[in-house]
Amino acid sequence: MKLGRNDPCHCGSGRKYKHCHYEEDRKAEAKALAEAAEARRAEAEQAAESESPDDDGAGSGAAGGRGESSRGGSRFMRDSSKVAKPSAGGTGRASGGATTSRTTRGSQRGG
């Protein structure tokens, strides 16, 4: 069970945990988390160095398996090469296929 801030301290001093060992325990926990993160980063660098250069990168790397594009950017950004172009009949956008900016609430209110 986790010790609450207002519980008596685990050292037996009779003081509340938040006034006794709370800060020391948080610093120790932060240090342990930082060391674990550093170990994971070093392990990832070592794994990246050990990959052979002739790999095609399918399913590996930073973008592998998460639906992200390998060319960078957000996975929510639209790929302009896949957007359907309007026909010459004028059924597309009013400015010949160029995108127009959307009106935001701030500009609607004059602010």
C-alpha atoms as a PDB file:
ATOM      1  CA  MET A   1       0.000   0.000   0.000  1.00  0.00           C
ATOM      2  CA  LYS A   2       1.294   3.459  -0.901  1.00  0.00           C
ATOM      3  CA  LEU A   3       2.102   5.885   1.869  1.00  0.00           C
ATOM      4  CA  GLY A   4      -0.010   9.061   1.749  1.00  0.00           C
ATOM      5  CA  ARG A   5       1.425  12.532   2.327  1.00  0.00           C
ATOM      6  CA  ASN A   6      -0.621  13.066   5.498  1.00  0.00           C
ATOM      7  CA  ASP A   7       0.155   9.640   6.995  1.00  0.00           C
ATOM      8  CA  PRO A   8       2.740   9.299   9.770  1.00  0.00           C
ATOM      9  CA  CYS A   9       6.268   8.985   8.392  1.00  0.00           C
ATOM     10  CA  HIS A  10       7.685   5.500   7.901  1.00  0.00           C
ATOM     11  CA  CYS A  11      10.799   6.381   9.918  1.00  0.00           C
ATOM     12  CA  GLY A  12       8.818   6.473  13.182  1.00  0.00           C
ATOM     13  CA  SER A  13       9.533  10.121  14.021  1.00  0.00           C
ATOM     14  CA  GLY A  14       5.859  10.846  14.664  1.00  0.00           C
ATOM     15  CA  ARG A  15       5.857  13.628  12.069  1.00  0.00           C
ATOM     16  CA  LYS A  16       3.720  13.630   8.944  1.00  0.00           C
ATOM     17  CA  TYR A  17       5.357  12.035   5.932  1.00  0.00           C
ATOM     18  CA  LYS A  18       5.109  15.276   3.913  1.00  0.00           C
ATOM     19  CA  HIS A  19       7.161  17.130   6.548  1.00  0.00           C
ATOM     20  CA  CYS A  20       9.705  14.374   7.174  1.00  0.00           C
ATOM     21  CA  HIS A  21      10.892  12.115   4.327  1.00  0.00           C
ATOM     22  CA  TYR A  22       8.589  13.098   1.445  1.00  0.00           C
ATOM     23  CA  GLU A  23      11.132  15.251  -0.442  1.00  0.00           C
ATOM     24  CA  GLU A  24      13.961  12.740   0.037  1.00  0.00           C
ATOM     25  CA  ASP A  25      11.800   9.902  -1.248  1.00  0.00           C
ATOM     26  CA  ARG A  26      10.663  11.948  -4.283  1.00  0.00           C
ATOM     27  CA  LYS A  27      14.272  12.828  -5.157  1.00  0.00           C
ATOM     28  CA  ALA A  28      15.305   9.181  -4.888  1.00  0.00           C
ATOM     29  CA  GLU A  29      12.359   8.138  -7.053  1.00  0.00           C
ATOM     30  CA  ALA A  30      13.177  10.805  -9.667  1.00  0.00           C
ATOM     31  CA  LYS A  31      16.815   9.688  -9.724  1.00  0.00           C
ATOM     32  CA  ALA A  32      15.790   6.061 -10.241  1.00  0.00           C
ATOM     33  CA  LEU A  33      13.434   7.043 -13.071  1.00  0.00           C
ATOM     34  CA  ALA A  34      16.151   9.136 -14.735  1.00  0.00           C
ATOM     35  CA  GLU A  35      18.624   6.260 -14.528  1.00  0.00           C
ATOM     36  CA  ALA A  36      16.072   3.881 -16.036  1.00  0.00           C
ATOM     37  CA  ALA A  37      15.349   6.319 -18.868  1.00  0.00           C
ATOM     38  CA  GLU A  38      19.069   6.712 -19.545  1.00  0.00           C
ATOM     39  CA  ALA A  39      19.470   2.931 -19.642  1.00  0.00           C
ATOM     40  CA  ARG A  40      16.563   2.619 -22.113  1.00  0.00           C
ATOM     41  CA  ARG A  41      18.050   5.376 -24.295  1.00  0.00           C
ATOM     42  CA  ALA A  42      21.476   3.720 -24.308  1.00  0.00           C
ATOM     43  CA  GLU A  43      19.872   0.378 -25.149  1.00  0.00           C
ATOM     44  CA  ALA A  44      17.948   1.951 -28.032  1.00  0.00           C
ATOM     45  CA  GLU A  45      21.121   3.581 -29.381  1.00  0.00           C
ATOM     46  CA  GLN A  46      22.950   0.279 -29.166  1.00  0.00           C
ATOM     47  CA  ALA A  47      20.112  -1.481 -31.002  1.00  0.00           C
ATOM     48  CA  ALA A  48      20.100   1.222 -33.701  1.00  0.00           C
ATOM     49  CA  GLU A  49      23.857   0.876 -34.178  1.00  0.00           C
ATOM     50  CA  SER A  50      23.632  -2.892 -34.460  1.00  0.00           C
ATOM     51  CA  GLU A  51      21.090  -2.771 -37.321  1.00  0.00           C
ATOM     52  CA  SER A  52      22.693  -3.529 -40.656  1.00  0.00           C
ATOM     53  CA  PRO A  53      22.594  -0.753 -43.305  1.00  0.00           C
ATOM     54  CA  ASP A  54      20.933  -3.027 -45.883  1.00  0.00           C
ATOM     55  CA  ASP A  55      17.711  -3.292 -43.831  1.00  0.00           C
ATOM     56  CA  ASP A  56      14.677  -1.763 -45.505  1.00  0.00           C
ATOM     57  CA  GLY A  57      13.419  -0.566 -42.111  1.00  0.00           C
ATOM     58  CA  ALA A  58       9.994  -2.188 -42.398  1.00  0.00           C
ATOM     59  CA  GLY A  59       8.499  -2.516 -38.938  1.00  0.00           C
ATOM     60  CA  SER A  60      11.498  -1.053 -37.160  1.00  0.00           C
ATOM     61  CA  GLY A  61      12.718   2.366 -36.171  1.00  0.00           C
ATOM     62  CA  ALA A  62      10.855   5.281 -34.643  1.00  0.00           C
ATOM     63  CA  ALA A  63       7.874   5.118 -36.989  1.00  0.00           C
ATOM     64  CA  GLY A  64       7.508   1.355 -37.209  1.00  0.00           C
ATOM     65  CA  GLY A  65       4.246  -0.170 -36.043  1.00  0.00           C
ATOM     66  CA  ARG A  66       2.644   3.070 -34.882  1.00  0.00           C
ATOM     67  CA  GLY A  67       1.069   4.276 -38.109  1.00  0.00           C
ATOM     68  CA  GLU A  68       3.485   7.165 -38.471  1.00  0.00           C
ATOM     69  CA  SER A  69       5.025   8.158 -41.729  1.00  0.00           C
ATOM     70  CA  SER A  70       8.722   7.526 -42.201  1.00  0.00           C
ATOM     71  CA  ARG A  71       9.212  10.957 -43.790  1.00  0.00           C
ATOM     72  CA  GLY A  72       8.413  12.776 -40.549  1.00  0.00           C
ATOM     73  CA  GLY A  73       5.546  14.947 -39.457  1.00  0.00           C
ATOM     74  CA  SER A  74       2.366  14.037 -37.761  1.00  0.00           C
ATOM     75  CA  ARG A  75       0.420  10.971 -38.740  1.00  0.00           C
ATOM     76  CA  PHE A  76      -2.635  13.199 -38.807  1.00  0.00           C
ATOM     77  CA  MET A  77      -1.290  15.466 -41.541  1.00  0.00           C
ATOM     78  CA  ARG A  78      -2.841  14.927 -44.933  1.00  0.00           C
ATOM     79  CA  ASP A  79      -0.585  13.702 -47.728  1.00  0.00           C
ATOM     80  CA  SER A  80      -1.150  16.187 -50.559  1.00  0.00           C
ATOM     81  CA  SER A  81      -0.279  13.601 -53.218  1.00  0.00           C
ATOM     82  CA  LYS A  82      -3.279  11.478 -52.180  1.00  0.00           C
ATOM     83  CA  VAL A  83      -5.836  14.310 -52.222  1.00  0.00           C
ATOM     84  CA  ALA A  84      -8.249  14.119 -55.142  1.00  0.00           C
ATOM     85  CA  LYS A  85      -7.782  17.010 -57.565  1.00  0.00           C
ATOM     86  CA  PRO A  86     -10.912  18.869 -58.711  1.00  0.00           C
ATOM     87  CA  SER A  87     -12.032  18.374 -62.275  1.00  0.00           C
ATOM     88  CA  ALA A  88     -12.087  21.147 -64.890  1.00  0.00           C
ATOM     89  CA  GLY A  89     -15.894  21.242 -64.668  1.00  0.00           C
ATOM     90  CA  GLY A  90     -15.745  23.551 -61.681  1.00  0.00           C
ATOM     91  CA  THR A  91     -17.076  21.111 -59.099  1.00  0.00           C
ATOM     92  CA  GLY A  92     -13.983  21.470 -56.928  1.00  0.00           C
ATOM     93  CA  ARG A  93     -12.853  24.327 -54.768  1.00  0.00           C
ATOM     94  CA  ALA A  94     -13.634  27.884 -55.745  1.00  0.00           C
ATOM     95  CA  SER A  95     -10.005  28.979 -56.211  1.00  0.00           C
ATOM     96  CA  GLY A  96      -8.936  26.294 -58.664  1.00  0.00           C
ATOM     97  CA  GLY A  97      -7.900  23.654 -56.140  1.00  0.00           C
ATOM     98  CA  ALA A  98      -6.005  25.895 -53.732  1.00  0.00           C
ATOM     99  CA  THR A  99      -6.813  25.446 -50.098  1.00  0.00           C
ATOM    100  CA  THR A 100      -8.521  28.256 -48.248  1.00  0.00           C
ATOM    101  CA  SER A 101      -8.052  29.074 -44.599  1.00  0.00           C
ATOM    102  CA  ARG A 102     -10.846  28.300 -42.187  1.00  0.00           C
ATOM    103  CA  THR A 103     -12.466  31.006 -40.149  1.00  0.00           C
ATOM    104  CA  THR A 104     -11.719  30.605 -36.470  1.00  0.00           C
ATOM    105  CA  ARG A 105     -13.912  31.622 -33.561  1.00  0.00           C
ATOM    106  CA  GLY A 106     -11.566  34.445 -32.661  1.00  0.00           C
ATOM    107  CA  SER A 107     -11.819  36.037 -36.094  1.00  0.00           C
ATOM    108  CA  GLN A 108     -15.590  35.542 -36.143  1.00  0.00           C
ATOM    109  CA  ARG A 109     -15.899  37.514 -32.930  1.00  0.00           C
ATOM    110  CA  GLY A 110     -13.593  40.260 -34.111  1.00  0.00           C
ATOM    111  CA  GLY A 111     -10.825  39.361 -31.716  1.00  0.00           C
END
